[in-house]
């Protein structure tokens, strides 16, 4: 080791470091980061398709809820609904 190497190491140790964005994993906000993680897991998972299964289950629950609401609206009739002002 020579003197120039030691001086270079000391300079780099005390230099301000700029946080470099890590491309896809740049932490912008929590929601966006979670979405990126889910997409990455889906990319690596391949055939398991867990993300798709979760989305399909969510859609099924959403459709069932909408169907219940429509049935309720049919049962009470449109006359019973409060008027919107």
C-alpha atoms as a PDB file:
ATOM      1  CA  UNK A   1       0.000   0.000   0.000  1.00  0.00           C
ATOM      2  CA  UNK A   2       1.320   3.348  -0.880  1.00  0.00           C
ATOM      3  CA  UNK A   3       0.482   6.813   0.444  1.00  0.00           C
ATOM      4  CA  UNK A   4      -1.760   7.733  -2.516  1.00  0.00           C
ATOM      5  CA  UNK A   5      -3.974   4.731  -1.886  1.00  0.00           C
ATOM      6  CA  UNK A   6      -4.365   5.596   1.804  1.00  0.00           C
ATOM      7  CA  UNK A   7      -5.161   9.248   0.960  1.00  0.00           C
ATOM      8  CA  UNK A   8      -7.740   8.098  -1.611  1.00  0.00           C
ATOM      9  CA  UNK A   9      -9.408   5.807   0.918  1.00  0.00           C
ATOM     10  CA  UNK A  10      -9.587   8.578   3.524  1.00  0.00           C
ATOM     11  CA  UNK A  11     -11.025  11.069   1.010  1.00  0.00           C
ATOM     12  CA  UNK A  12     -13.715   8.635  -0.090  1.00  0.00           C
ATOM     13  CA  UNK A  13     -14.590   7.868   3.538  1.00  0.00           C
ATOM     14  CA  UNK A  14     -15.367  11.503   4.341  1.00  0.00           C
ATOM     15  CA  UNK A  15     -16.950  12.443   1.020  1.00  0.00           C
ATOM     16  CA  UNK A  16     -20.710  12.987   0.930  1.00  0.00           C
ATOM     17  CA  UNK A  17     -22.426  10.077  -0.699  1.00  0.00           C
ATOM     18  CA  UNK A  18     -25.294  10.578  -3.044  1.00  0.00           C
ATOM     19  CA  UNK A  19     -27.987   7.945  -2.766  1.00  0.00           C
ATOM     20  CA  UNK A  20     -28.196   6.325  -6.151  1.00  0.00           C
ATOM     21  CA  UNK A  21     -31.628   5.251  -7.302  1.00  0.00           C
ATOM     22  CA  UNK A  22     -31.768   1.518  -7.700  1.00  0.00           C
ATOM     23  CA  UNK A  23     -33.888   1.415 -10.833  1.00  0.00           C
ATOM     24  CA  UNK A  24     -36.978  -0.675 -10.278  1.00  0.00           C
ATOM     25  CA  UNK A  25     -36.329  -0.820  -6.539  1.00  0.00           C
ATOM     26  CA  UNK A  26     -36.032   2.932  -5.998  1.00  0.00           C
ATOM     27  CA  UNK A  27     -38.141   3.484  -2.878  1.00  0.00           C
ATOM     28  CA  UNK A  28     -40.582   6.230  -3.901  1.00  0.00           C
ATOM     29  CA  UNK A  29     -43.443   5.495  -1.553  1.00  0.00           C
ATOM     30  CA  UNK A  30     -44.789   2.542   0.386  1.00  0.00           C
ATOM     31  CA  UNK A  31     -47.727   1.735  -1.912  1.00  0.00           C
ATOM     32  CA  UNK A  32     -45.631   1.851  -5.044  1.00  0.00           C
ATOM     33  CA  UNK A  33     -42.915  -0.253  -3.414  1.00  0.00           C
ATOM     34  CA  UNK A  34     -45.417  -2.941  -2.369  1.00  0.00           C
ATOM     35  CA  UNK A  35     -46.767  -3.067  -5.906  1.00  0.00           C
ATOM     36  CA  UNK A  36     -43.248  -3.444  -7.316  1.00  0.00           C
ATOM     37  CA  UNK A  37     -42.545  -6.265  -4.861  1.00  0.00           C
ATOM     38  CA  UNK A  38     -45.726  -8.064  -5.892  1.00  0.00           C
ATOM     39  CA  UNK A  39     -44.818  -7.711  -9.559  1.00  0.00           C
ATOM     40  CA  UNK A  40     -41.293  -8.983  -8.916  1.00  0.00           C
ATOM     41  CA  UNK A  41     -42.606 -11.983  -7.010  1.00  0.00           C
ATOM     42  CA  UNK A  42     -44.961 -12.695  -9.886  1.00  0.00           C
ATOM     43  CA  UNK A  43     -42.054 -12.412 -12.336  1.00  0.00           C
ATOM     44  CA  UNK A  44     -39.939 -14.918 -10.413  1.00  0.00           C
ATOM     45  CA  UNK A  45     -42.759 -17.220  -9.414  1.00  0.00           C
ATOM     46  CA  UNK A  46     -43.702 -18.060 -12.968  1.00  0.00           C
ATOM     47  CA  UNK A  47     -46.207 -20.888 -13.014  1.00  0.00           C
ATOM     48  CA  UNK A  48     -47.609 -20.544  -9.496  1.00  0.00           C
ATOM     49  CA  UNK A  49     -49.635 -17.431 -10.407  1.00  0.00           C
ATOM     50  CA  UNK A  50     -50.411 -16.492  -6.807  1.00  0.00           C
ATOM     51  CA  UNK A  51     -50.912 -12.843  -7.712  1.00  0.00           C
ATOM     52  CA  UNK A  52     -53.483 -13.729 -10.369  1.00  0.00           C
ATOM     53  CA  UNK A  53     -55.321 -16.025  -7.950  1.00  0.00           C
ATOM     54  CA  UNK A  54     -55.515 -13.220  -5.383  1.00  0.00           C
ATOM     55  CA  UNK A  55     -56.824 -10.787  -7.986  1.00  0.00           C
ATOM     56  CA  UNK A  56     -59.439 -13.307  -9.167  1.00  0.00           C
ATOM     57  CA  UNK A  57     -60.603 -13.958  -5.608  1.00  0.00           C
ATOM     58  CA  UNK A  58     -60.886 -10.221  -5.019  1.00  0.00           C
ATOM     59  CA  UNK A  59     -62.981  -9.852  -8.180  1.00  0.00           C
ATOM     60  CA  UNK A  60     -65.260 -12.728  -7.116  1.00  0.00           C
ATOM     61  CA  UNK A  61     -65.849 -11.149  -3.701  1.00  0.00           C
ATOM     62  CA  UNK A  62     -66.492  -7.791  -5.346  1.00  0.00           C
ATOM     63  CA  UNK A  63     -69.014  -9.316  -7.760  1.00  0.00           C
ATOM     64  CA  UNK A  64     -70.798 -11.165  -4.934  1.00  0.00           C
ATOM     65  CA  UNK A  65     -71.067  -7.955  -2.946  1.00  0.00           C
ATOM     66  CA  UNK A  66     -72.433  -6.094  -5.973  1.00  0.00           C
ATOM     67  CA  UNK A  67     -74.942  -8.893  -6.577  1.00  0.00           C
ATOM     68  CA  UNK A  68     -76.134  -8.704  -2.942  1.00  0.00           C
ATOM     69  CA  UNK A  69     -76.556  -4.948  -3.246  1.00  0.00           C
ATOM     70  CA  UNK A  70     -78.542  -5.334  -6.468  1.00  0.00           C
ATOM     71  CA  UNK A  71     -80.778  -7.975  -4.854  1.00  0.00           C
ATOM     72  CA  UNK A  72     -81.359  -5.683  -1.882  1.00  0.00           C
ATOM     73  CA  UNK A  73     -82.205  -2.768  -4.179  1.00  0.00           C
ATOM     74  CA  UNK A  74     -84.652  -5.002  -6.082  1.00  0.00           C
ATOM     75  CA  UNK A  75     -86.306  -6.163  -2.850  1.00  0.00           C
ATOM     76  CA  UNK A  76     -86.894  -2.688  -1.408  1.00  0.00           C
ATOM     77  CA  UNK A  77     -87.902  -1.213  -4.734  1.00  0.00           C
ATOM     78  CA  UNK A  78     -86.923   2.107  -6.217  1.00  0.00           C
ATOM     79  CA  UNK A  79     -89.782   3.961  -4.488  1.00  0.00           C
ATOM     80  CA  UNK A  80     -88.235   3.415  -1.075  1.00  0.00           C
ATOM     81  CA  UNK A  81     -84.923   5.011  -1.964  1.00  0.00           C
ATOM     82  CA  UNK A  82     -84.320   8.536  -0.655  1.00  0.00           C
ATOM     83  CA  UNK A  83     -84.218  11.147  -3.368  1.00  0.00           C
ATOM     84  CA  UNK A  84     -80.875  12.740  -4.098  1.00  0.00           C
ATOM     85  CA  UNK A  85     -80.775  16.522  -3.868  1.00  0.00           C
END
